[in-house]
Amino acid sequence: MAAALAGLRDLQSCALDLYGRLEVDRALNWTLEELGELARAVRLGEGCARLEEELGQVAAWTLCLANILDLDLAAAVDAAMDEEIGRQVGKYSRLKPYRPGGHSDD
């Protein structure tokens, strides 16, 4: 996971070189617009190319927001993953990812 987090830090640095630090309101608006376009593409069952395009744009704007807010997105993702691991282990005594159509222990 360390290599993936380092890669995410590299992407965040690239986003800073590309976008700089825009105004937070502008970046939030664009992020939400792209998220809405992704949601629409998912609901309409659009193809992989369209979904990848929209998801990529959401990811790019997330990187941009992290830079504007002067946050380390890799550290935030790492903490979120650790929290989820702790939640699943605490609840199920093991990792238990959701499986569509599977039975739940809830």
Protein backbone atom coordinates (compact mmCIF):
# COMPACT_ATOMS: atom_id res chain seq x y z
CA MET A 1 0.00 0.00 0.00
CA ALA A 2 2.95 2.33 0.61
CA ALA A 3 3.76 2.43 -3.12
CA ALA A 4 0.16 3.27 -3.97
CA LEU A 5 0.16 6.09 -1.42
CA ALA A 6 3.44 7.42 -2.84
CA GLY A 7 1.85 7.33 -6.30
CA LEU A 8 -1.13 9.27 -5.00
CA ARG A 9 1.23 11.89 -3.57
CA ASP A 10 2.90 12.13 -6.97
CA LEU A 11 -0.51 12.63 -8.62
CA GLN A 12 -1.36 15.34 -6.11
CA SER A 13 1.91 17.09 -6.96
CA CYS A 14 1.12 16.84 -10.68
CA ALA A 15 -2.33 18.31 -10.04
CA LEU A 16 -0.72 21.23 -8.22
CA ASP A 17 1.54 21.83 -11.23
CA LEU A 18 -1.46 21.67 -13.57
CA TYR A 19 -4.15 23.58 -11.67
CA GLY A 20 -2.27 25.56 -9.05
CA ARG A 21 -4.44 26.54 -6.14
CA LEU A 22 -7.75 27.78 -7.48
CA GLU A 23 -10.37 29.39 -5.28
CA VAL A 24 -12.03 26.77 -3.09
CA ASP A 25 -15.56 27.71 -4.20
CA ARG A 26 -14.67 27.33 -7.88
CA ALA A 27 -13.00 23.96 -7.28
CA LEU A 28 -15.91 22.73 -5.16
CA ASN A 29 -18.38 23.70 -7.87
CA TRP A 30 -16.41 21.90 -10.56
CA THR A 31 -15.95 18.83 -8.35
CA LEU A 32 -19.68 18.65 -7.65
CA GLU A 33 -20.49 19.20 -11.32
CA GLU A 34 -18.22 16.31 -12.31
CA LEU A 35 -19.67 14.13 -9.55
CA GLY A 36 -23.15 14.85 -10.91
CA GLU A 37 -22.01 13.93 -14.42
CA LEU A 38 -20.56 10.67 -13.07
CA ALA A 39 -23.80 9.88 -11.25
CA ARG A 40 -25.80 10.52 -14.42
CA ALA A 41 -23.48 8.32 -16.50
CA VAL A 42 -23.79 5.49 -13.95
CA ARG A 43 -27.60 5.76 -13.81
CA LEU A 44 -27.84 5.76 -17.61
CA GLY A 45 -25.52 2.76 -17.90
CA GLU A 46 -23.11 4.60 -20.17
CA GLY A 47 -20.05 2.71 -21.39
CA CYS A 48 -16.72 2.22 -19.66
CA ALA A 49 -15.01 5.01 -21.61
CA ARG A 50 -17.56 7.57 -20.43
CA LEU A 51 -17.50 6.29 -16.85
CA GLU A 52 -13.69 6.37 -16.77
CA GLU A 53 -13.73 9.92 -18.12
CA GLU A 54 -16.12 11.15 -15.44
CA LEU A 55 -14.45 9.23 -12.61
CA GLY A 56 -11.08 10.56 -13.73
CA GLN A 57 -12.40 14.12 -13.64
CA VAL A 58 -13.81 13.60 -10.14
CA ALA A 59 -10.43 12.23 -9.03
CA ALA A 60 -8.55 15.14 -10.63
CA TRP A 61 -10.74 17.71 -8.89
CA THR A 62 -10.37 15.84 -5.59
CA LEU A 63 -6.60 16.18 -5.97
CA CYS A 64 -7.09 19.86 -6.75
CA LEU A 65 -9.22 20.36 -3.63
CA ALA A 66 -6.61 18.65 -1.48
CA ASN A 67 -4.01 21.11 -2.77
CA ILE A 68 -6.25 24.11 -2.21
CA LEU A 69 -6.94 22.97 1.35
CA ASP A 70 -3.24 22.14 1.86
CA LEU A 71 -4.06 18.53 2.77
CA ASP A 72 -2.17 15.31 2.07
CA LEU A 73 -4.75 13.25 0.20
CA ALA A 74 -2.64 10.09 0.51
CA ALA A 75 -2.63 10.45 4.30
CA ALA A 76 -6.39 11.02 4.28
CA VAL A 77 -7.00 7.93 2.12
CA ASP A 78 -4.63 5.87 4.29
CA ALA A 79 -6.50 6.93 7.44
CA ALA A 80 -9.89 6.18 5.84
CA MET A 81 -8.74 2.70 4.78
CA ASP A 82 -7.31 2.00 8.26
CA GLU A 83 -10.59 3.12 9.81
CA GLU A 84 -12.59 0.81 7.55
CA ILE A 85 -10.26 -2.11 8.29
CA GLY A 86 -10.73 -1.46 12.01
CA ARG A 87 -14.51 -1.25 11.59
CA GLN A 88 -14.74 -4.53 9.69
CA VAL A 89 -12.37 -6.39 12.01
CA GLY A 90 -14.22 -5.01 15.05
CA LYS A 91 -17.59 -6.06 13.64
CA TYR A 92 -16.74 -9.34 11.89
CA SER A 93 -13.32 -10.29 13.41
CA ARG A 94 -12.01 -10.21 9.83
CA LEU A 95 -12.20 -8.19 6.64
CA LYS A 96 -15.58 -8.71 5.05
CA PRO A 97 -16.02 -6.71 1.84
CA TYR A 98 -19.54 -6.30 0.53
CA ARG A 99 -20.51 -8.82 -2.12
CA PRO A 100 -23.66 -8.14 -4.16
CA GLY A 101 -26.15 -10.97 -3.66
CA GLY A 102 -24.15 -12.27 -0.72
CA HIS A 103 -25.51 -12.86 2.72
CA SER A 104 -24.90 -10.30 5.40
CA ASP A 105 -24.04 -10.99 9.01
CA ASP A 106 -25.84 -7.79 10.07
